[in-house]
Amino acid sequence: MALEQAPALTIGERWDVGMAIATVCGDIDIDTVSTLSEQLGQLARKNPQRLVIDLAGVSFIDSSGLGGFVRIRKALPPGCPLVIRSPQRRVRQLFKITGLDSVVAFE
């Protein structure tokens, strides 16, 4: 019997006049958080005026994934907002329950 393999995390990137937009698809968990942290950390080091992370394609985030968002927030330049776009209801609730909704904006 073959084991089911979890889908890989994919992150697309585009820029729009100083704003970095990352589109994330897949689960964010202990197996994929290093990919998230590495790729979004690279965006943060490019000093965007605003970082938007589109989570419409993410249905699951575990505690290690939440830690990844904290690291990304800390890596951003001062005054650069971290915006979570289009999160699924369960994902948005997770940010609220953990208090992370106080350090990110939603749209």
C-alpha atoms as a PDB file:
ATOM      1  CA  MET A   1       0.000   0.000   0.000  1.00  0.00           C
ATOM      2  CA  ALA A   2       1.454   3.338  -1.064  1.00  0.00           C
ATOM      3  CA  LEU A   3       1.548   6.232   1.343  1.00  0.00           C
ATOM      4  CA  GLU A   4      -0.216   9.397   0.275  1.00  0.00           C
ATOM      5  CA  GLN A   5       2.164  12.259  -0.202  1.00  0.00           C
ATOM      6  CA  ALA A   6       1.088  15.703   0.957  1.00  0.00           C
ATOM      7  CA  PRO A   7       1.052  18.310  -1.806  1.00  0.00           C
ATOM      8  CA  ALA A   8       4.109  20.515  -1.883  1.00  0.00           C
ATOM      9  CA  LEU A   9       3.873  24.127  -0.852  1.00  0.00           C
ATOM     10  CA  THR A  10       4.136  26.508  -3.778  1.00  0.00           C
ATOM     11  CA  ILE A  11       4.797  30.225  -3.515  1.00  0.00           C
ATOM     12  CA  GLY A  12       4.440  32.618  -6.423  1.00  0.00           C
ATOM     13  CA  GLU A  13       5.885  36.116  -6.258  1.00  0.00           C
ATOM     14  CA  ARG A  14       5.156  39.352  -8.076  1.00  0.00           C
ATOM     15  CA  TRP A  15       5.842  43.029  -7.490  1.00  0.00           C
ATOM     16  CA  ASP A  16       3.570  46.015  -7.966  1.00  0.00           C
ATOM     17  CA  VAL A  17       5.162  49.450  -7.333  1.00  0.00           C
ATOM     18  CA  GLY A  18       7.104  48.570  -4.184  1.00  0.00           C
ATOM     19  CA  MET A  19       4.542  46.048  -2.945  1.00  0.00           C
ATOM     20  CA  ALA A  20       5.559  42.383  -2.856  1.00  0.00           C
ATOM     21  CA  ILE A  21       2.712  39.906  -3.354  1.00  0.00           C
ATOM     22  CA  ALA A  22       3.235  36.241  -2.512  1.00  0.00           C
ATOM     23  CA  THR A  23       0.598  33.680  -3.470  1.00  0.00           C
ATOM     24  CA  VAL A  24       0.825  30.560  -1.306  1.00  0.00           C
ATOM     25  CA  CYS A  25      -0.811  27.212  -2.134  1.00  0.00           C
ATOM     26  CA  GLY A  26      -0.701  24.038  -0.035  1.00  0.00           C
ATOM     27  CA  ASP A  27      -0.524  23.212   3.645  1.00  0.00           C
ATOM     28  CA  ILE A  28       1.812  25.178   5.910  1.00  0.00           C
ATOM     29  CA  ASP A  29       3.167  22.759   8.481  1.00  0.00           C
ATOM     30  CA  ILE A  30       6.378  21.407   9.947  1.00  0.00           C
ATOM     31  CA  ASP A  31       7.278  19.842   6.584  1.00  0.00           C
ATOM     32  CA  THR A  32       6.797  23.018   4.524  1.00  0.00           C
ATOM     33  CA  VAL A  33       7.460  25.932   6.889  1.00  0.00           C
ATOM     34  CA  SER A  34      11.143  26.090   5.938  1.00  0.00           C
ATOM     35  CA  THR A  35      10.126  26.716   2.307  1.00  0.00           C
ATOM     36  CA  LEU A  36       7.705  29.439   3.438  1.00  0.00           C
ATOM     37  CA  SER A  37      10.269  31.097   5.716  1.00  0.00           C
ATOM     38  CA  GLU A  38      13.055  30.945   3.136  1.00  0.00           C
ATOM     39  CA  GLN A  39      11.082  32.334   0.204  1.00  0.00           C
ATOM     40  CA  LEU A  40       9.202  35.011   2.136  1.00  0.00           C
ATOM     41  CA  GLY A  41      12.384  35.906   4.008  1.00  0.00           C
ATOM     42  CA  GLN A  42      14.010  36.614   0.631  1.00  0.00           C
ATOM     43  CA  LEU A  43      11.107  38.932  -0.198  1.00  0.00           C
ATOM     44  CA  ALA A  44      11.453  40.700   3.156  1.00  0.00           C
ATOM     45  CA  ARG A  45      15.174  41.302   2.510  1.00  0.00           C
ATOM     46  CA  LYS A  46      14.267  43.172  -0.694  1.00  0.00           C
ATOM     47  CA  ASN A  47      12.699  45.863   1.542  1.00  0.00           C
ATOM     48  CA  PRO A  48       9.152  46.010   0.198  1.00  0.00           C
ATOM     49  CA  GLN A  49       6.953  48.920   1.209  1.00  0.00           C
ATOM     50  CA  ARG A  50       4.193  46.362   1.821  1.00  0.00           C
ATOM     51  CA  LEU A  51       4.152  42.545   1.864  1.00  0.00           C
ATOM     52  CA  VAL A  52       0.874  40.883   0.890  1.00  0.00           C
ATOM     53  CA  ILE A  53       0.540  37.125   1.369  1.00  0.00           C
ATOM     54  CA  ASP A  54      -2.408  35.602  -0.469  1.00  0.00           C
ATOM     55  CA  LEU A  55      -3.542  32.533   1.474  1.00  0.00           C
ATOM     56  CA  ALA A  56      -6.629  31.636  -0.595  1.00  0.00           C
ATOM     57  CA  GLY A  57      -4.914  28.360  -1.555  1.00  0.00           C
ATOM     58  CA  VAL A  58      -4.034  27.394   2.036  1.00  0.00           C
ATOM     59  CA  SER A  59      -6.499  25.302   4.054  1.00  0.00           C
ATOM     60  CA  PHE A  60      -4.216  24.188   6.905  1.00  0.00           C
ATOM     61  CA  ILE A  61      -1.580  25.845   9.081  1.00  0.00           C
ATOM     62  CA  ASP A  62      -0.038  24.210  12.159  1.00  0.00           C
ATOM     63  CA  SER A  63       1.869  25.863  15.016  1.00  0.00           C
ATOM     64  CA  SER A  64       5.187  25.718  13.158  1.00  0.00           C
ATOM     65  CA  GLY A  65       3.513  27.500  10.246  1.00  0.00           C
ATOM     66  CA  LEU A  66       2.292  30.244  12.573  1.00  0.00           C
ATOM     67  CA  GLY A  67       5.847  30.597  13.848  1.00  0.00           C
ATOM     68  CA  GLY A  68       6.935  31.142  10.259  1.00  0.00           C
ATOM     69  CA  PHE A  69       4.614  34.142   9.981  1.00  0.00           C
ATOM     70  CA  VAL A  70       6.073  35.584  13.199  1.00  0.00           C
ATOM     71  CA  ARG A  71       9.603  35.261  11.757  1.00  0.00           C
ATOM     72  CA  ILE A  72       8.515  36.923   8.529  1.00  0.00           C
ATOM     73  CA  ARG A  73       6.919  39.816  10.436  1.00  0.00           C
ATOM     74  CA  LYS A  74      10.174  40.327  12.356  1.00  0.00           C
ATOM     75  CA  ALA A  75      12.256  40.203   9.149  1.00  0.00           C
ATOM     76  CA  LEU A  76      10.320  43.032   7.486  1.00  0.00           C
ATOM     77  CA  PRO A  77      11.630  46.588   7.589  1.00  0.00           C
ATOM     78  CA  PRO A  78      10.057  48.847  10.234  1.00  0.00           C
ATOM     79  CA  GLY A  79       6.836  50.381   8.979  1.00  0.00           C
ATOM     80  CA  CYS A  80       6.267  47.683   6.346  1.00  0.00           C
ATOM     81  CA  PRO A  81       2.814  46.176   6.843  1.00  0.00           C
ATOM     82  CA  LEU A  82       2.292  42.426   6.590  1.00  0.00           C
ATOM     83  CA  VAL A  83      -1.079  41.817   4.948  1.00  0.00           C
ATOM     84  CA  ILE A  84      -2.865  38.465   4.755  1.00  0.00           C
ATOM     85  CA  ARG A  85      -5.144  38.357   1.724  1.00  0.00           C
ATOM     86  CA  SER A  86      -8.125  36.030   1.174  1.00  0.00           C
ATOM     87  CA  PRO A  87      -7.548  33.537   3.993  1.00  0.00           C
ATOM     88  CA  GLN A  88     -10.035  30.696   4.305  1.00  0.00           C
ATOM     89  CA  ARG A  89     -12.288  31.016   7.337  1.00  0.00           C
ATOM     90  CA  ARG A  90     -10.464  28.334   9.362  1.00  0.00           C
ATOM     91  CA  VAL A  91      -7.101  29.940   8.668  1.00  0.00           C
ATOM     92  CA  ARG A  92      -8.310  33.405   9.671  1.00  0.00           C
ATOM     93  CA  GLN A  93      -9.778  31.987  12.890  1.00  0.00           C
ATOM     94  CA  LEU A  94      -6.390  30.487  13.719  1.00  0.00           C
ATOM     95  CA  PHE A  95      -4.734  33.911  13.449  1.00  0.00           C
ATOM     96  CA  LYS A  96      -7.448  35.361  15.695  1.00  0.00           C
ATOM     97  CA  ILE A  97      -7.326  32.601  18.331  1.00  0.00           C
ATOM     98  CA  THR A  98      -3.550  32.906  18.640  1.00  0.00           C
ATOM     99  CA  GLY A  99      -3.518  36.710  18.715  1.00  0.00           C
ATOM    100  CA  LEU A 100      -1.520  37.011  15.502  1.00  0.00           C
ATOM    101  CA  ASP A 101      -4.333  39.078  14.031  1.00  0.00           C
ATOM    102  CA  SER A 102      -2.897  41.969  16.066  1.00  0.00           C
ATOM    103  CA  VAL A 103       0.375  41.986  14.099  1.00  0.00           C
ATOM    104  CA  VAL A 104      -0.987  41.424  10.587  1.00  0.00           C
ATOM    105  CA  ALA A 105      -3.693  43.122   8.573  1.00  0.00           C
ATOM    106  CA  PHE A 106      -6.356  41.272   6.583  1.00  0.00           C
ATOM    107  CA  GLU A 107      -7.897  42.039   3.218  1.00  0.00           C
END
